[in-house]
C-alpha atoms as a PDB file:
ATOM      1  CA  UNK A   1      17.124  14.789 -35.164  1.00  0.00           C
ATOM      2  CA  UNK A   2      19.443  13.606 -37.879  1.00  0.00           C
ATOM      3  CA  UNK A   3      19.078  10.104 -39.200  1.00  0.00           C
ATOM      4  CA  UNK A   4      22.084   7.863 -38.806  1.00  0.00           C
ATOM      5  CA  UNK A   5      22.862   4.935 -41.023  1.00  0.00           C
ATOM      6  CA  UNK A   6      22.591   1.501 -39.449  1.00  0.00           C
ATOM      7  CA  UNK A   7      26.215   0.709 -40.268  1.00  0.00           C
ATOM      8  CA  UNK A   8      27.551   3.505 -38.076  1.00  0.00           C
ATOM      9  CA  UNK A   9      28.517   2.633 -34.526  1.00  0.00           C
ATOM     10  CA  UNK A  10      25.739   3.731 -32.229  1.00  0.00           C
ATOM     11  CA  UNK A  11      28.030   3.726 -29.191  1.00  0.00           C
ATOM     12  CA  UNK A  12      30.378   6.633 -28.572  1.00  0.00           C
ATOM     13  CA  UNK A  13      32.374   8.106 -25.702  1.00  0.00           C
ATOM     14  CA  UNK A  14      32.867  11.702 -24.589  1.00  0.00           C
ATOM     15  CA  UNK A  15      35.496  13.060 -22.244  1.00  0.00           C
ATOM     16  CA  UNK A  16      34.208  14.516 -19.009  1.00  0.00           C
ATOM     17  CA  UNK A  17      34.161  18.305 -18.763  1.00  0.00           C
ATOM     18  CA  UNK A  18      32.703  20.831 -16.311  1.00  0.00           C
ATOM     19  CA  UNK A  19      29.879  21.252 -18.853  1.00  0.00           C
ATOM     20  CA  UNK A  20      28.760  17.604 -18.807  1.00  0.00           C
ATOM     21  CA  UNK A  21      29.589  16.815 -15.177  1.00  0.00           C
ATOM     22  CA  UNK A  22      25.932  17.403 -14.246  1.00  0.00           C
ATOM     23  CA  UNK A  23      24.971  14.580 -16.612  1.00  0.00           C
ATOM     24  CA  UNK A  24      27.548  12.298 -14.955  1.00  0.00           C
ATOM     25  CA  UNK A  25      26.143  13.183 -11.520  1.00  0.00           C
ATOM     26  CA  UNK A  26      22.586  12.444 -12.651  1.00  0.00           C
ATOM     27  CA  UNK A  27      23.522   9.118 -14.252  1.00  0.00           C
ATOM     28  CA  UNK A  28      25.522   8.057 -11.181  1.00  0.00           C
ATOM     29  CA  UNK A  29      22.599   8.932  -8.882  1.00  0.00           C
ATOM     30  CA  UNK A  30      20.366   6.598 -10.929  1.00  0.00           C
ATOM     31  CA  UNK A  31      22.935   3.840 -11.541  1.00  0.00           C
ATOM     32  CA  UNK A  32      24.578   3.444  -8.133  1.00  0.00           C
ATOM     33  CA  UNK A  33      23.236   3.182  -4.569  1.00  0.00           C
ATOM     34  CA  UNK A  34      26.081   5.388  -3.325  1.00  0.00           C
ATOM     35  CA  UNK A  35      26.327   9.183  -3.219  1.00  0.00           C
ATOM     36  CA  UNK A  36      29.718  10.242  -4.543  1.00  0.00           C
ATOM     37  CA  UNK A  37      31.666  13.086  -2.972  1.00  0.00           C
ATOM     38  CA  UNK A  38      32.501  16.439  -4.494  1.00  0.00           C
ATOM     39  CA  UNK A  39      36.151  15.286  -4.572  1.00  0.00           C
ATOM     40  CA  UNK A  40      35.123  12.280  -6.699  1.00  0.00           C
ATOM     41  CA  UNK A  41      33.600  14.626  -9.292  1.00  0.00           C
ATOM     42  CA  UNK A  42      36.581  16.987  -9.270  1.00  0.00           C
ATOM     43  CA  UNK A  43      39.036  14.068  -9.597  1.00  0.00           C
ATOM     44  CA  UNK A  44      37.293  12.606 -12.673  1.00  0.00           C
ATOM     45  CA  UNK A  45      37.962  15.903 -14.476  1.00  0.00           C
ATOM     46  CA  UNK A  46      41.746  15.701 -13.982  1.00  0.00           C
ATOM     47  CA  UNK A  47      43.613  15.722 -17.334  1.00  0.00           C
ATOM     48  CA  UNK A  48      45.604  12.570 -16.530  1.00  0.00           C
ATOM     49  CA  UNK A  49      42.449  10.431 -16.309  1.00  0.00           C
ATOM     50  CA  UNK A  50      40.734  11.834 -19.409  1.00  0.00           C
ATOM     51  CA  UNK A  51      41.178   8.548 -21.314  1.00  0.00           C
ATOM     52  CA  UNK A  52      39.619   6.607 -18.436  1.00  0.00           C
ATOM     53  CA  UNK A  53      36.637   8.752 -17.419  1.00  0.00           C
ATOM     54  CA  UNK A  54      33.932   8.917 -20.079  1.00  0.00           C
ATOM     55  CA  UNK A  55      30.279   9.497 -20.723  1.00  0.00           C
ATOM     56  CA  UNK A  56      28.819   6.596 -22.725  1.00  0.00           C
ATOM     57  CA  UNK A  57      26.416   7.565 -25.506  1.00  0.00           C
ATOM     58  CA  UNK A  58      23.979   5.411 -27.435  1.00  0.00           C
ATOM     59  CA  UNK A  59      22.554   7.149 -30.521  1.00  0.00           C
ATOM     60  CA  UNK A  60      23.819  10.477 -29.134  1.00  0.00           C
ATOM     61  CA  UNK A  61      21.971   9.986 -25.815  1.00  0.00           C
ATOM     62  CA  UNK A  62      24.093   9.788 -22.631  1.00  0.00           C
ATOM     63  CA  UNK A  63      23.239   6.404 -21.085  1.00  0.00           C
ATOM     64  CA  UNK A  64      26.249   5.489 -18.952  1.00  0.00           C
ATOM     65  CA  UNK A  65      29.482   6.470 -17.273  1.00  0.00           C
ATOM     66  CA  UNK A  66      32.964   5.117 -16.669  1.00  0.00           C
ATOM     67  CA  UNK A  67      35.175   6.662 -13.977  1.00  0.00           C
ATOM     68  CA  UNK A  68      38.677   5.440 -13.096  1.00  0.00           C
ATOM     69  CA  UNK A  69      41.693   6.643 -11.145  1.00  0.00           C
ATOM     70  CA  UNK A  70      45.380   5.751 -10.945  1.00  0.00           C
ATOM     71  CA  UNK A  71      46.786   4.087  -7.837  1.00  0.00           C
ATOM     72  CA  UNK A  72      50.576   3.959  -7.722  1.00  0.00           C
ATOM     73  CA  UNK A  73      52.560   2.099  -5.072  1.00  0.00           C
ATOM     74  CA  UNK A  74      56.305   1.989  -5.604  1.00  0.00           C
ATOM     75  CA  UNK A  75      56.943   0.926  -9.200  1.00  0.00           C
ATOM     76  CA  UNK A  76      53.450  -0.468  -9.752  1.00  0.00           C
ATOM     77  CA  UNK A  77      50.491   1.478 -11.131  1.00  0.00           C
ATOM     78  CA  UNK A  78      47.001   0.038 -11.111  1.00  0.00           C
ATOM     79  CA  UNK A  79      43.939   1.519 -12.715  1.00  0.00           C
ATOM     80  CA  UNK A  80      41.026   1.444 -10.282  1.00  0.00           C
ATOM     81  CA  UNK A  81      37.653   1.213 -12.000  1.00  0.00           C
ATOM     82  CA  UNK A  82      35.588   3.298  -9.561  1.00  0.00           C
ATOM     83  CA  UNK A  83      32.297   3.233 -11.457  1.00  0.00           C
ATOM     84  CA  UNK A  84      30.962   1.799 -14.666  1.00  0.00           C
ATOM     85  CA  UNK A  85      27.278   1.626 -15.407  1.00  0.00           C
ATOM     86  CA  UNK A  86      24.664   1.750 -18.149  1.00  0.00           C
ATOM     87  CA  UNK A  87      21.011   2.679 -17.669  1.00  0.00           C
ATOM     88  CA  UNK A  88      18.744  -0.387 -17.437  1.00  0.00           C
ATOM     89  CA  UNK A  89      16.825   0.175 -20.716  1.00  0.00           C
ATOM     90  CA  UNK A  90      20.135   0.186 -22.635  1.00  0.00           C
ATOM     91  CA  UNK A  91      21.686  -2.942 -21.116  1.00  0.00           C
ATOM     92  CA  UNK A  92      22.258  -6.131 -23.124  1.00  0.00           C
ATOM     93  CA  UNK A  93      23.270  -4.072 -26.176  1.00  0.00           C
ATOM     94  CA  UNK A  94      27.023  -4.476 -25.706  1.00  0.00           C
ATOM     95  CA  UNK A  95      27.517  -1.015 -24.186  1.00  0.00           C
ATOM     96  CA  UNK A  96      29.118  -2.361 -21.000  1.00  0.00           C
ATOM     97  CA  UNK A  97      31.479  -4.551 -23.007  1.00  0.00           C
ATOM     98  CA  UNK A  98      32.405  -1.699 -25.353  1.00  0.00           C
ATOM     99  CA  UNK A  99      32.955   0.594 -22.348  1.00  0.00           C
ATOM    100  CA  UNK A 100      35.182  -1.907 -20.578  1.00  0.00           C
ATOM    101  CA  UNK A 101      37.093  -2.658 -23.807  1.00  0.00           C
ATOM    102  CA  UNK A 102      37.616   1.093 -24.238  1.00  0.00           C
ATOM    103  CA  UNK A 103      39.182   1.302 -20.762  1.00  0.00           C
ATOM    104  CA  UNK A 104      41.317  -1.824 -21.285  1.00  0.00           C
ATOM    105  CA  UNK A 105      42.606  -0.567 -24.654  1.00  0.00           C
ATOM    106  CA  UNK A 106      43.393   2.860 -23.183  1.00  0.00           C
ATOM    107  CA  UNK A 107      45.201   1.185 -20.271  1.00  0.00           C
ATOM    108  CA  UNK A 108      47.255  -1.047 -22.578  1.00  0.00           C
ATOM    109  CA  UNK A 109      48.443   1.918 -24.638  1.00  0.00           C
ATOM    110  CA  UNK A 110      49.059   4.235 -21.678  1.00  0.00           C
ATOM    111  CA  UNK A 111      52.775   4.642 -20.966  1.00  0.00           C
ATOM    112  CA  UNK A 112      53.149   7.402 -18.362  1.00  0.00           C
ATOM    113  CA  UNK A 113      52.644   5.719 -16.022  1.00  0.00           C
ATOM    114  CA  UNK A 114      52.592   2.202 -17.431  1.00  0.00           C
ATOM    115  CA  UNK A 115      49.499   0.459 -16.059  1.00  0.00           C
ATOM    116  CA  UNK A 116      50.138  -3.021 -14.671  1.00  0.00           C
ATOM    117  CA  UNK A 117      46.543  -4.035 -13.978  1.00  0.00           C
ATOM    118  CA  UNK A 118      42.951  -2.882 -13.661  1.00  0.00           C
ATOM    119  CA  UNK A 119      40.912  -3.698 -10.583  1.00  0.00           C
ATOM    120  CA  UNK A 120      37.498  -3.010  -9.092  1.00  0.00           C
ATOM    121  CA  UNK A 121      35.072  -3.946  -6.341  1.00  0.00           C
ATOM    122  CA  UNK A 122      31.788  -5.787  -6.904  1.00  0.00           C
ATOM    123  CA  UNK A 123      29.237  -6.295  -4.138  1.00  0.00           C
ATOM    124  CA  UNK A 124      29.156 -10.025  -3.266  1.00  0.00           C
ATOM    125  CA  UNK A 125      25.426 -10.172  -4.027  1.00  0.00           C
ATOM    126  CA  UNK A 126      26.018  -9.071  -7.636  1.00  0.00           C
ATOM    127  CA  UNK A 127      26.952 -12.331  -9.334  1.00  0.00           C
ATOM    128  CA  UNK A 128      25.887 -10.990 -12.746  1.00  0.00           C
ATOM    129  CA  UNK A 129      28.432  -8.151 -12.552  1.00  0.00           C
ATOM    130  CA  UNK A 130      31.128 -10.555 -11.365  1.00  0.00           C
ATOM    131  CA  UNK A 131      30.393 -12.848 -14.318  1.00  0.00           C
ATOM    132  CA  UNK A 132      30.530  -9.897 -16.723  1.00  0.00           C
ATOM    133  CA  UNK A 133      34.017  -8.889 -15.535  1.00  0.00           C
ATOM    134  CA  UNK A 134      35.240 -12.502 -15.516  1.00  0.00           C
ATOM    135  CA  UNK A 135      34.189 -12.828 -19.169  1.00  0.00           C
ATOM    136  CA  UNK A 136      36.518  -9.872 -19.824  1.00  0.00           C
ATOM    137  CA  UNK A 137      39.563 -11.483 -18.237  1.00  0.00           C
ATOM    138  CA  UNK A 138      39.152 -10.328 -14.626  1.00  0.00           C
ATOM    139  CA  UNK A 139      39.786 -12.768 -11.797  1.00  0.00           C
ATOM    140  CA  UNK A 140      38.662 -12.702  -8.182  1.00  0.00           C
ATOM    141  CA  UNK A 141      41.743 -11.951  -6.071  1.00  0.00           C
ATOM    142  CA  UNK A 142      40.168 -11.312  -2.658  1.00  0.00           C
ATOM    143  CA  UNK A 143      37.057 -10.450  -0.680  1.00  0.00           C
ATOM    144  CA  UNK A 144      37.083  -7.040   0.994  1.00  0.00           C
ATOM    145  CA  UNK A 145      35.001  -7.419   4.155  1.00  0.00           C
ATOM    146  CA  UNK A 146      32.824  -4.471   5.188  1.00  0.00           C
ATOM    147  CA  UNK A 147      33.779  -2.518   2.043  1.00  0.00           C
ATOM    148  CA  UNK A 148      30.277  -1.060   1.700  1.00  0.00           C
ATOM    149  CA  UNK A 149      29.324   0.771   4.877  1.00  0.00           C
ATOM    150  CA  UNK A 150      25.749   1.625   3.891  1.00  0.00           C
ATOM    151  CA  UNK A 151      24.881  -1.358   1.683  1.00  0.00           C
ATOM    152  CA  UNK A 152      23.949  -4.919   2.596  1.00  0.00           C
ATOM    153  CA  UNK A 153      25.741  -7.200   2.072  1.00  0.00           C
ATOM    154  CA  UNK A 154      28.753  -5.125   3.151  1.00  0.00           C
ATOM    155  CA  UNK A 155      31.401  -7.311   1.476  1.00  0.00           C
ATOM    156  CA  UNK A 156      32.864  -6.912  -2.008  1.00  0.00           C
ATOM    157  CA  UNK A 157      34.789  -9.138  -4.334  1.00  0.00           C
ATOM    158  CA  UNK A 158      38.004  -7.593  -5.596  1.00  0.00           C
ATOM    159  CA  UNK A 159      38.398  -8.446  -9.276  1.00  0.00           C
ATOM    160  CA  UNK A 160      41.597  -7.749 -11.159  1.00  0.00           C
ATOM    161  CA  UNK A 161      42.912  -8.103 -14.675  1.00  0.00           C
ATOM    162  CA  UNK A 162      46.640  -8.086 -15.216  1.00  0.00           C
ATOM    163  CA  UNK A 163      47.761  -6.210 -18.315  1.00  0.00           C
ATOM    164  CA  UNK A 164      51.200  -7.815 -18.367  1.00  0.00           C
ATOM    165  CA  UNK A 165      49.756 -11.000 -19.871  1.00  0.00           C
ATOM    166  CA  UNK A 166      47.293  -9.318 -22.218  1.00  0.00           C
ATOM    167  CA  UNK A 167      48.777 -10.833 -25.369  1.00  0.00           C
ATOM    168  CA  UNK A 168      47.660 -14.345 -24.449  1.00  0.00           C
ATOM    169  CA  UNK A 169      44.178 -13.157 -23.465  1.00  0.00           C
ATOM    170  CA  UNK A 170      43.542 -11.265 -26.676  1.00  0.00           C
ATOM    171  CA  UNK A 171      41.826 -13.290 -29.362  1.00  0.00           C
END
């Protein structure tokens, strides 16, 4: 194993490919209490979402995933954050924040289509996740009742961050 200098960023992102999709599947099976469909895994390989679906590496070890999709209705396009997770031993190292910032930056610079906002669901029992997203400019916009069929509680908060007003939210 090569030694890396301490000054180098230890967090990196890799695009999803058929070759690393098995790693994504394995991470998702550990990170999330939901089994994702074959369509989910085929959709995250689509070229148009390459900037928004990534493997998260820490010191060259895959420790997390981010998977998003576009949802367009009329003139409005939202980026739906389907999954984002980091393995428990690697949490509290800024990987989640760097992952979310990566997605937000990619969304802000994406022009075809222009992305108006990013949104996601968080199980109502997961106050820590809600707080994490709120610290990154997301706001609760609704509660989706019975969103999770196989999990208890069944309800989810819908959190959204508008990208139209990003200039005032940036430091």
